[in-house]
C-alpha atoms as a PDB file:
ATOM      1  CA  MET A   1     -15.504 -16.227   0.756  1.00  0.00           C
ATOM      2  CA  SER A   2     -14.881 -15.050  -2.789  1.00  0.00           C
ATOM      3  CA  ASN A   3     -11.950 -12.873  -3.746  1.00  0.00           C
ATOM      4  CA  LYS A   4     -11.707 -12.088  -7.453  1.00  0.00           C
ATOM      5  CA  CYS A   5      -8.584 -10.982  -9.304  1.00  0.00           C
ATOM      6  CA  SER A   6      -8.833  -7.324 -10.277  1.00  0.00           C
ATOM      7  CA  LEU A   7      -7.494  -8.003 -13.785  1.00  0.00           C
ATOM      8  CA  CYS A   8      -8.788 -11.374 -14.977  1.00  0.00           C
ATOM      9  CA  GLY A   9     -11.704 -12.013 -12.597  1.00  0.00           C
ATOM     10  CA  LYS A  10     -10.575 -15.501 -11.546  1.00  0.00           C
ATOM     11  CA  ASP A  11     -10.988 -16.584  -7.915  1.00  0.00           C
ATOM     12  CA  ARG A  12      -7.788 -15.827  -6.032  1.00  0.00           C
ATOM     13  CA  VAL A  13      -6.138 -18.566  -3.967  1.00  0.00           C
ATOM     14  CA  VAL A  14      -4.592 -18.425  -0.484  1.00  0.00           C
ATOM     15  CA  VAL A  15      -0.801 -18.514  -0.701  1.00  0.00           C
ATOM     16  CA  LYS A  16       0.115 -17.897   2.929  1.00  0.00           C
ATOM     17  CA  THR A  17      -1.766 -17.627   6.241  1.00  0.00           C
ATOM     18  CA  LYS A  18      -0.428 -16.057   9.433  1.00  0.00           C
ATOM     19  CA  LYS A  19      -2.029 -15.922  12.899  1.00  0.00           C
ATOM     20  CA  GLU A  20      -1.024 -13.227  15.388  1.00  0.00           C
ATOM     21  CA  LYS A  21      -2.253 -12.601  18.916  1.00  0.00           C
ATOM     22  CA  VAL A  22      -3.132  -8.969  19.605  1.00  0.00           C
ATOM     23  CA  GLY A  23      -4.207  -8.393  23.180  1.00  0.00           C
ATOM     24  CA  SER A  24      -6.792 -11.063  23.890  1.00  0.00           C
ATOM     25  CA  SER A  25      -7.774 -11.524  20.229  1.00  0.00           C
ATOM     26  CA  TYR A  26      -6.266 -13.331  17.283  1.00  0.00           C
ATOM     27  CA  VAL A  27      -5.725 -11.632  13.926  1.00  0.00           C
ATOM     28  CA  PHE A  28      -5.455 -13.752  10.798  1.00  0.00           C
ATOM     29  CA  TYR A  29      -3.544 -12.528   7.748  1.00  0.00           C
ATOM     30  CA  ARG A  30      -4.026 -14.201   4.380  1.00  0.00           C
ATOM     31  CA  GLU A  31      -1.855 -13.525   1.372  1.00  0.00           C
ATOM     32  CA  MET A  32      -3.936 -14.079  -1.750  1.00  0.00           C
ATOM     33  CA  SER A  33      -2.675 -14.587  -5.287  1.00  0.00           C
ATOM     34  CA  CYS A  34      -4.152 -15.008  -8.758  1.00  0.00           C
ATOM     35  CA  PRO A  35      -3.801 -18.592 -10.023  1.00  0.00           C
ATOM     36  CA  ASP A  36      -2.548 -17.185 -13.357  1.00  0.00           C
ATOM     37  CA  SER A  37       1.131 -16.338 -12.697  1.00  0.00           C
ATOM     38  CA  ASP A  38       1.388 -13.859 -15.599  1.00  0.00           C
ATOM     39  CA  CYS A  39      -1.668 -12.004 -14.338  1.00  0.00           C
ATOM     40  CA  GLN A  40      -0.287 -11.973 -10.772  1.00  0.00           C
ATOM     41  CA  LYS A  41       2.972 -10.447 -12.020  1.00  0.00           C
ATOM     42  CA  LYS A  42       0.975  -7.656 -13.691  1.00  0.00           C
ATOM     43  CA  VAL A  43      -0.991  -7.061 -10.489  1.00  0.00           C
ATOM     44  CA  GLU A  44       2.211  -6.913  -8.410  1.00  0.00           C
ATOM     45  CA  LYS A  45       3.806  -4.495 -10.876  1.00  0.00           C
ATOM     46  CA  THR A  46       0.739  -2.258 -10.754  1.00  0.00           C
ATOM     47  CA  LEU A  47       0.693  -2.307  -6.935  1.00  0.00           C
ATOM     48  CA  PHE A  48       4.430  -1.547  -6.819  1.00  0.00           C
ATOM     49  CA  ASN A  49       4.018   1.435  -9.164  1.00  0.00           C
ATOM     50  CA  GLU A  50       1.079   2.758  -7.132  1.00  0.00           C
ATOM     51  CA  ALA A  51       3.058   2.459  -3.884  1.00  0.00           C
ATOM     52  CA  LYS A  52       6.022   4.229  -5.472  1.00  0.00           C
ATOM     53  CA  LYS A  53       3.745   7.040  -6.667  1.00  0.00           C
ATOM     54  CA  ARG A  54       2.146   7.426  -3.210  1.00  0.00           C
ATOM     55  CA  SER A  55       5.598   7.528  -1.619  1.00  0.00           C
ATOM     56  CA  PHE A  56       6.714  10.249  -4.036  1.00  0.00           C
ATOM     57  CA  ILE A  57       3.573  12.294  -3.361  1.00  0.00           C
ATOM     58  CA  LYS A  58       4.063  11.945   0.409  1.00  0.00           C
ATOM     59  CA  GLY A  59       7.677  13.110   0.087  1.00  0.00           C
ATOM     60  CA  GLU A  60       6.607  16.144  -1.936  1.00  0.00           C
ATOM     61  CA  GLN A  61       3.939  16.924   0.649  1.00  0.00           C
ATOM     62  CA  LEU A  62       6.474  16.796   3.479  1.00  0.00           C
ATOM     63  CA  LYS A  63       8.872  18.998   1.512  1.00  0.00           C
ATOM     64  CA  ARG A  64       6.140  21.623   0.922  1.00  0.00           C
ATOM     65  CA  GLU A  65       5.222  21.501   4.610  1.00  0.00           C
ATOM     66  CA  GLU A  66       8.837  22.160   5.644  1.00  0.00           C
ATOM     67  CA  GLU A  67       9.086  25.041   3.145  1.00  0.00           C
ATOM     68  CA  ARG A  68       5.851  26.500   4.519  1.00  0.00           C
ATOM     69  CA  LYS A  69       7.160  26.291   8.096  1.00  0.00           C
ATOM     70  CA  ILE A  70      10.369  28.064   7.054  1.00  0.00           C
ATOM     71  CA  ARG A  71       8.389  30.831   5.295  1.00  0.00           C
ATOM     72  CA  ILE A  72       6.197  31.310   8.377  1.00  0.00           C
ATOM     73  CA  ALA A  73       9.225  31.409  10.693  1.00  0.00           C
ATOM     74  CA  ASN A  74      10.932  33.957   8.413  1.00  0.00           C
ATOM     75  CA  SER A  75       7.828  36.133   8.254  1.00  0.00           C
ATOM     76  CA  LEU A  76       7.570  36.153  12.054  1.00  0.00           C
ATOM     77  CA  LYS A  77      11.216  37.288  12.340  1.00  0.00           C
ATOM     78  CA  ASN A  78      10.598  40.311  10.104  1.00  0.00           C
END
């Protein structure tokens, strides 16, 4: 199995493996990392920033949904 780093293209290495039983099956989790530590730090920073951005967008979406529900409730009262 080949898993290339998204930045440098080197083969990623397995850092941690976890086995979990789900029902009657086993699920294996593998944490992969770039062998170049500087490159891995850049990848982690990029992933962190993307997750933060998605979280912000989700919060804004929920806020707009609540505002829409309030507007609809107010329009039904009138």
